[in-house]
Each structure stands twice: as structure tokens, then as C-alpha cells.
Amino acid sequence: MAGNSLAGLVSPQAQALYDLLSARGELKLDVDVDGEAPETLELLRAGVAFRGGEGDALLRPVSTAAALRLLVDREHAELVSRQARLASGWRGLVARLGFQGEPEEPAISSGVQVIATMPEAAAKAVELYAAGTRLVRAAFTVDFETEPTAHRLLLPPASALADGAEYLGLYDVAYSGVPWGRRLMADSAAAGETVRMRKGVPTKLILVDDATALVAVAATGVPALLVTAPELVRMLSDWFDLMWRDSVTPEGDDIPLTTAQRRVVRQLATGMTDEQIAHESGVSVRTVRRHIAVAMHALGADTRFAAGVAAARRGWL
């Protein structure tokens, strides 16, 4: 596994140093390797290398299996932290706007307009989605008052795409679990939208050219807030970008992992063999390998361990 033994969880420079350490067993600090180099400090801080020998003058690696477990645990912790920041940001936005339940009439204040009804919110969504000239970012929950149809789909205008506008669509991973959801994502991608999925999209959101945003207070879409206040638009833009970095590109008939598949992927990430997984899970080796194949395809992973790492990084486990 040399060359990518840490599955992309450290920088290329740190990966190269770890491979050298693994091959030689140890390196002399400030002789074979710079003890203050960024890649050295990265490995030390991650716990995948340590100082040893007389006077702590040697740099030594932990085993690859131990290193991978440490790095995956770190990724999990960072993901939990990012998720918490997202939730906190949304609660802070609603509190900052002083929104308390559904208003009797739409109100306008400080660059924020409350849109109380579904017809108004839907019309504004269609209007904004077609108005982009540079960058349109949209997030979609799977919650609707009624099942969506193709007529309700927001598609990038061909003229806007021809003029260089970019459309990013972030869909809750639950979209891939229902026929209409897969159809909507496929149609959006075919129309020119860059489609990605994420486990847990908290609310519907459309951002147009970093100038205007339409964000739902409830997952179904109403009430909604039309935001033009620059500082709030920036906050929503940062929020979307954070979610986008935690997303995954769907491939083919990609589906969320089942409970059994998630368990197998989690076991893969610990370095267990097919036979060990089968014994622990009480299923056949053939079934284990079928679960692994599905998970690798869904996660776009080239190796079985990479599937475990990718699932951990994307919050699928």
C-alpha cells in the first residue's frame, strides 16, 4: 500500500515521510529528517509517528493499521465538530432574525423578508434559480408537503450556463433512496447542474451570485426568508460551502448503505479480513464480499480500505 498507505488522510509530504519511516523503521531527527519540517510535525501531531531512542533523537512510525485507526478517528471527530457548527449556525441565524413561529403577514426588516406561504416561496425559488449570472448554490431536503414531480424541478437555464454561470445542487442523501429523488438528481445533472449528495441537509436554500438568498425556516420549505443583508448572505454562503465540502458525488444508481453494508464498511476500516467479518457478523464470506462491492461502488473507492475511510469522512457510518 506504499504511496497511499494512509489513504489520503495526511498531506502528500507527510505520506512520503511515513512511507520512508515504514521502510527504514526509524530516522535520525535533524540528520535524516528535519525535526521541525511541516510533514514531520504533522505526523507527530497525528500520533502516527513518535520520538524514541536515546535523547528522543529518533523518529519512528506506528503500524499502518494503528495509524489508519488514529486518522479515521480524527476525521470522525472533525466531522462531528463541523456538523455541530452547522447546527449552531442555523440556530443562530433564526435567533438573530428574531423569528418566532409563522407570522400572520410577511414582514420586511434589515434585509430580510419573511415569505409565509408555499405558493409564494415556490414562485420566489423559481425566480431566483433562473436569475443567476455567476454562481447559484442550492441545497435540497427530502421533505415536501406532496411528492415532487418533474414539473416542480428547478433546472439551470441553458442561456445562463452558456454565459458561464455555475450551478451547484446539494441534495440530502435520502434523495438516492427513492425513485423520484434519483430521477430529479439525474435530470438536474443532465441539465448542467453539478450534483452532490450529503448525509443531512438541514434546510432548503438557494444562494444567487452571493447577493440574495432564499432559506427555509422549516424543512418542507415554509416559512422562508428572502435575505439580501450582505452579512447574512455571507454567513449562508459559508454555511453552504461547509456542507459542500462534506458531500459526495453520486455515481450511477448510487444508494445509501444499508445497516449491514455500513457494518461491513466499519469493520473494513479496522483492517479485518473478509473471513473475520463473516464470522463476527454471522453471514457467509460471499455475502460480505457482495456488501463490500456495493459499498466500494457507492463511495467511488478503488480499494476496500479506501471505502471504509471514504465512508467515515462522509459521515455514512
Foldseek 3Di string as FASTA:
>chain_A
DQQCLLLPLDDSVLSVVLSVQVVVFKDFDPPRHDCPDPSNVRCVVLVQWAFDDVVSRIIGGDDSLVSNVSSLVVLLVVVVVLVVVLVVLLVVVCVVVVDDPADPDWDDDQQKIWAADDVVQLVVVLVQQAPAQAEKEKEAECDAPDHDDPVSAREHDPVSVVNHHAAEYEYELCLLVDVVSVVSQVVNVVRHHQYWYAHDDPAIKMQGPLAWMWTAPHRRRPRIMIGRNNVVSVSVVVSSVSRVVLIGHFDDSQHQQDPLLLQLLQVVLSVDDLVVSCVVVVHDSVVSVVSQVNLCNNQVHPDSNSSSSSCSNNVSD
